[in-house]
């Protein structure tokens, strides 16, 4: 984890945020004491337990909105016997 002094983190905030996304959490110190951590959105959601709903997941699918264009073929073969 990279450590940044508060003053430097303020001056280079965009770099701190990019590094949080690429390299992981970024530690912010004030007077030599760790006071904050900058996380990527993905890391925050993992840690906080926030998950997308099933509806959000389905709407994010590349197949969303293609209901009339998708050919779903049904297998009309007879069932088979299974021994128990």
N, C-alpha and C. Protein backbone atom coordinates (compact mmCIF):
# COMPACT_ATOMS: atom_id res chain seq x y z
N UNK A 1 0.86 -1.18 0.00
CA UNK A 1 0.00 0.00 0.00
C UNK A 1 0.90 1.24 0.00
N UNK A 2 0.63 2.13 -0.93
CA UNK A 2 1.37 3.39 -0.97
C UNK A 2 0.91 4.32 0.16
N UNK A 3 1.84 5.09 0.70
CA UNK A 3 1.52 6.04 1.75
C UNK A 3 1.76 7.46 1.24
N UNK A 4 0.78 8.32 1.48
CA UNK A 4 0.85 9.71 1.04
C UNK A 4 0.64 10.63 2.23
N UNK A 5 1.45 11.69 2.30
CA UNK A 5 1.17 12.73 3.28
C UNK A 5 -0.04 13.51 2.79
N UNK A 6 -0.85 14.00 3.69
CA UNK A 6 -2.08 14.69 3.34
C UNK A 6 -1.84 15.79 2.30
N UNK A 7 -0.86 16.61 2.53
CA UNK A 7 -0.58 17.73 1.64
C UNK A 7 -0.27 17.23 0.22
N UNK A 8 0.53 16.17 0.12
CA UNK A 8 0.88 15.62 -1.19
C UNK A 8 -0.34 14.96 -1.84
N UNK A 9 -1.14 14.26 -1.05
CA UNK A 9 -2.34 13.61 -1.58
C UNK A 9 -3.32 14.64 -2.13
N UNK A 10 -3.46 15.77 -1.45
CA UNK A 10 -4.34 16.83 -1.94
C UNK A 10 -3.84 17.39 -3.26
N UNK A 11 -2.53 17.59 -3.35
CA UNK A 11 -1.95 18.17 -4.56
C UNK A 11 -1.99 17.21 -5.74
N UNK A 12 -1.97 15.90 -5.46
CA UNK A 12 -1.92 14.90 -6.52
C UNK A 12 -3.10 13.94 -6.45
N UNK A 13 -4.28 14.47 -6.14
CA UNK A 13 -5.46 13.65 -5.91
C UNK A 13 -5.78 12.74 -7.10
N UNK A 14 -5.71 13.24 -8.32
CA UNK A 14 -6.05 12.40 -9.47
C UNK A 14 -5.11 11.21 -9.56
N UNK A 15 -3.83 11.40 -9.24
CA UNK A 15 -2.88 10.28 -9.25
C UNK A 15 -3.19 9.29 -8.13
N UNK A 16 -3.55 9.79 -6.96
CA UNK A 16 -3.91 8.91 -5.84
C UNK A 16 -5.11 8.05 -6.21
N UNK A 17 -6.11 8.64 -6.83
CA UNK A 17 -7.31 7.91 -7.22
C UNK A 17 -6.98 6.85 -8.28
N UNK A 18 -6.20 7.24 -9.28
CA UNK A 18 -5.82 6.27 -10.33
C UNK A 18 -5.04 5.11 -9.74
N UNK A 19 -4.12 5.39 -8.83
CA UNK A 19 -3.35 4.32 -8.20
C UNK A 19 -4.23 3.43 -7.32
N UNK A 20 -5.25 4.00 -6.70
CA UNK A 20 -6.17 3.19 -5.90
C UNK A 20 -6.88 2.19 -6.80
N UNK A 21 -7.21 2.61 -8.00
CA UNK A 21 -7.89 1.71 -8.94
C UNK A 21 -6.94 0.67 -9.51
N UNK A 22 -5.71 1.07 -9.81
CA UNK A 22 -4.76 0.16 -10.45
C UNK A 22 -3.95 -0.70 -9.48
N UNK A 23 -3.50 -0.11 -8.38
CA UNK A 23 -2.58 -0.79 -7.47
C UNK A 23 -3.18 -1.17 -6.12
N UNK A 24 -4.36 -0.68 -5.82
CA UNK A 24 -4.97 -1.01 -4.54
C UNK A 24 -5.04 0.20 -3.62
N UNK A 25 -5.42 -0.03 -2.37
CA UNK A 25 -5.64 1.06 -1.41
C UNK A 25 -4.43 1.98 -1.26
N UNK A 26 -4.72 3.26 -1.04
CA UNK A 26 -3.70 4.28 -0.84
C UNK A 26 -3.90 4.88 0.55
N UNK A 27 -2.86 4.83 1.36
CA UNK A 27 -2.91 5.30 2.75
C UNK A 27 -2.59 6.80 2.79
N UNK A 28 -3.40 7.56 3.52
CA UNK A 28 -3.18 9.00 3.70
C UNK A 28 -2.80 9.25 5.16
N UNK A 29 -1.69 9.98 5.36
CA UNK A 29 -1.25 10.27 6.73
C UNK A 29 -1.31 11.77 7.00
N UNK A 30 -1.52 12.09 8.27
CA UNK A 30 -1.51 13.48 8.73
C UNK A 30 -0.64 13.52 9.98
N UNK A 31 0.42 14.30 9.94
CA UNK A 31 1.38 14.38 11.05
C UNK A 31 1.92 12.99 11.41
N UNK A 32 2.19 12.18 10.36
CA UNK A 32 2.77 10.85 10.55
C UNK A 32 1.81 9.78 11.02
N UNK A 33 0.53 10.11 11.15
CA UNK A 33 -0.48 9.16 11.63
C UNK A 33 -1.45 8.83 10.49
N UNK A 34 -1.70 7.57 10.25
CA UNK A 34 -2.63 7.15 9.20
C UNK A 34 -4.05 7.61 9.56
N UNK A 35 -4.67 8.39 8.66
CA UNK A 35 -6.00 8.94 8.96
C UNK A 35 -7.06 8.53 7.94
N UNK A 36 -6.65 8.06 6.76
CA UNK A 36 -7.63 7.71 5.75
C UNK A 36 -7.02 6.74 4.74
N UNK A 37 -7.89 6.06 4.03
CA UNK A 37 -7.47 5.16 2.96
C UNK A 37 -8.36 5.44 1.75
N UNK A 38 -7.74 5.61 0.60
CA UNK A 38 -8.48 5.80 -0.65
C UNK A 38 -8.59 4.44 -1.33
N UNK A 39 -9.85 4.04 -1.62
CA UNK A 39 -10.13 2.75 -2.26
C UNK A 39 -10.76 2.96 -3.62
N UNK A 40 -10.60 1.98 -4.49
CA UNK A 40 -11.35 1.99 -5.74
C UNK A 40 -12.81 1.68 -5.42
N UNK A 41 -13.71 2.02 -6.33
CA UNK A 41 -15.14 1.72 -6.14
C UNK A 41 -15.34 0.21 -6.02
N UNK A 42 -14.65 -0.57 -6.83
CA UNK A 42 -14.80 -2.03 -6.79
C UNK A 42 -14.38 -2.59 -5.43
N UNK A 43 -13.26 -2.11 -4.90
CA UNK A 43 -12.81 -2.58 -3.59
C UNK A 43 -13.80 -2.19 -2.50
N UNK A 44 -14.31 -0.98 -2.58
CA UNK A 44 -15.29 -0.52 -1.59
C UNK A 44 -16.54 -1.40 -1.62
N UNK A 45 -17.04 -1.69 -2.81
CA UNK A 45 -18.25 -2.51 -2.92
C UNK A 45 -18.01 -3.92 -2.39
N UNK A 46 -16.83 -4.48 -2.68
CA UNK A 46 -16.51 -5.81 -2.14
C UNK A 46 -16.50 -5.79 -0.62
N UNK A 47 -15.86 -4.78 -0.04
CA UNK A 47 -15.74 -4.71 1.41
C UNK A 47 -17.06 -4.38 2.11
N UNK A 48 -17.89 -3.57 1.46
CA UNK A 48 -19.14 -3.16 2.09
C UNK A 48 -20.28 -4.13 1.83
N UNK A 49 -20.03 -5.12 0.99
CA UNK A 49 -21.07 -6.11 0.71
C UNK A 49 -22.14 -5.63 -0.25
N UNK A 50 -21.92 -4.51 -0.89
CA UNK A 50 -22.89 -4.01 -1.85
C UNK A 50 -22.78 -4.83 -3.13
N UNK A 51 -23.87 -5.39 -3.53
CA UNK A 51 -23.91 -6.19 -4.76
C UNK A 51 -24.99 -5.61 -5.66
N UNK A 52 -24.80 -5.78 -6.95
CA UNK A 52 -25.81 -5.35 -7.91
C UNK A 52 -27.02 -6.28 -7.79
N UNK A 53 -28.19 -5.75 -8.02
CA UNK A 53 -29.39 -6.57 -7.97
C UNK A 53 -29.45 -7.46 -9.22
N UNK A 54 -30.30 -8.47 -9.19
CA UNK A 54 -30.46 -9.34 -10.34
C UNK A 54 -30.94 -8.54 -11.55
N UNK A 55 -31.81 -7.57 -11.31
CA UNK A 55 -32.30 -6.72 -12.39
C UNK A 55 -31.16 -5.95 -13.03
N UNK A 56 -30.29 -5.35 -12.23
CA UNK A 56 -29.14 -4.63 -12.76
C UNK A 56 -28.23 -5.55 -13.56
N UNK A 57 -28.02 -6.76 -13.04
CA UNK A 57 -27.18 -7.74 -13.73
C UNK A 57 -27.77 -8.09 -15.09
N UNK A 58 -29.07 -8.36 -15.13
CA UNK A 58 -29.72 -8.73 -16.39
C UNK A 58 -29.71 -7.57 -17.39
N UNK A 59 -29.92 -6.36 -16.90
CA UNK A 59 -29.93 -5.20 -17.79
C UNK A 59 -28.54 -4.88 -18.33
N UNK A 60 -27.50 -5.30 -17.63
CA UNK A 60 -26.14 -5.08 -18.09
C UNK A 60 -25.70 -6.12 -19.13
N UNK A 61 -26.51 -7.14 -19.34
CA UNK A 61 -26.18 -8.19 -20.29
C UNK A 61 -26.15 -7.64 -21.72
N UNK A 62 -25.22 -8.11 -22.53
CA UNK A 62 -25.21 -7.68 -23.94
C UNK A 62 -26.44 -8.17 -24.70
N UNK A 63 -27.17 -9.11 -24.12
CA UNK A 63 -28.38 -9.63 -24.77
C UNK A 63 -29.63 -8.84 -24.40
N UNK A 64 -29.51 -7.89 -23.47
CA UNK A 64 -30.66 -7.11 -23.03
C UNK A 64 -31.27 -6.34 -24.21
N UNK A 65 -32.56 -6.48 -24.39
CA UNK A 65 -33.26 -5.77 -25.45
C UNK A 65 -33.32 -6.53 -26.76
N UNK A 66 -32.81 -7.75 -26.80
CA UNK A 66 -32.80 -8.51 -28.05
C UNK A 66 -33.81 -9.65 -28.04
N UNK A 67 -34.88 -9.53 -27.25
CA UNK A 67 -35.83 -10.64 -27.07
C UNK A 67 -36.37 -11.18 -28.39
N UNK A 68 -36.70 -10.32 -29.32
CA UNK A 68 -37.31 -10.76 -30.58
C UNK A 68 -36.28 -11.29 -31.57
N UNK A 69 -35.01 -11.04 -31.33
CA UNK A 69 -33.98 -11.41 -32.29
C UNK A 69 -33.24 -12.69 -31.92
N UNK A 70 -33.48 -13.24 -30.73
CA UNK A 70 -32.74 -14.42 -30.30
C UNK A 70 -33.50 -15.69 -30.66
N UNK A 71 -32.91 -16.54 -31.49
CA UNK A 71 -33.59 -17.80 -31.83
C UNK A 71 -33.30 -18.87 -30.78
N UNK A 72 -34.28 -19.18 -29.98
CA UNK A 72 -34.13 -20.26 -29.01
C UNK A 72 -34.76 -21.50 -29.60
N UNK A 73 -33.93 -22.51 -29.84
CA UNK A 73 -34.43 -23.75 -30.43
C UNK A 73 -34.74 -24.75 -29.33
N UNK A 74 -35.86 -25.39 -29.46
CA UNK A 74 -36.28 -26.37 -28.47
C UNK A 74 -35.98 -27.77 -28.98
N UNK A 75 -35.46 -28.62 -28.11
CA UNK A 75 -35.19 -30.00 -28.45
C UNK A 75 -36.48 -30.79 -28.28
N UNK A 76 -37.02 -31.31 -29.39
CA UNK A 76 -38.29 -32.04 -29.36
C UNK A 76 -38.12 -33.54 -29.26
N UNK A 77 -36.90 -34.02 -28.97
CA UNK A 77 -36.68 -35.46 -28.88
C UNK A 77 -37.43 -36.01 -27.66
N UNK A 78 -37.70 -37.31 -27.72
CA UNK A 78 -38.41 -37.97 -26.63
C UNK A 78 -37.50 -38.06 -25.41
N UNK A 79 -38.14 -38.20 -24.26
CA UNK A 79 -37.35 -38.35 -23.04
C UNK A 79 -36.72 -39.71 -23.00
N UNK A 80 -35.74 -39.89 -22.18
CA UNK A 80 -35.07 -41.19 -22.08
C UNK A 80 -35.33 -41.79 -20.70
N UNK A 81 -35.25 -43.09 -20.65
CA UNK A 81 -35.44 -43.80 -19.37
C UNK A 81 -34.14 -43.74 -18.58
N UNK A 82 -34.30 -43.47 -17.29
CA UNK A 82 -33.15 -43.43 -16.41
C UNK A 82 -33.42 -44.43 -15.29
N UNK A 83 -32.48 -45.31 -15.07
CA UNK A 83 -32.64 -46.32 -14.02
C UNK A 83 -32.24 -45.78 -12.66
N UNK A 84 -33.06 -46.05 -11.67
CA UNK A 84 -32.75 -45.62 -10.32
C UNK A 84 -32.44 -46.79 -9.44
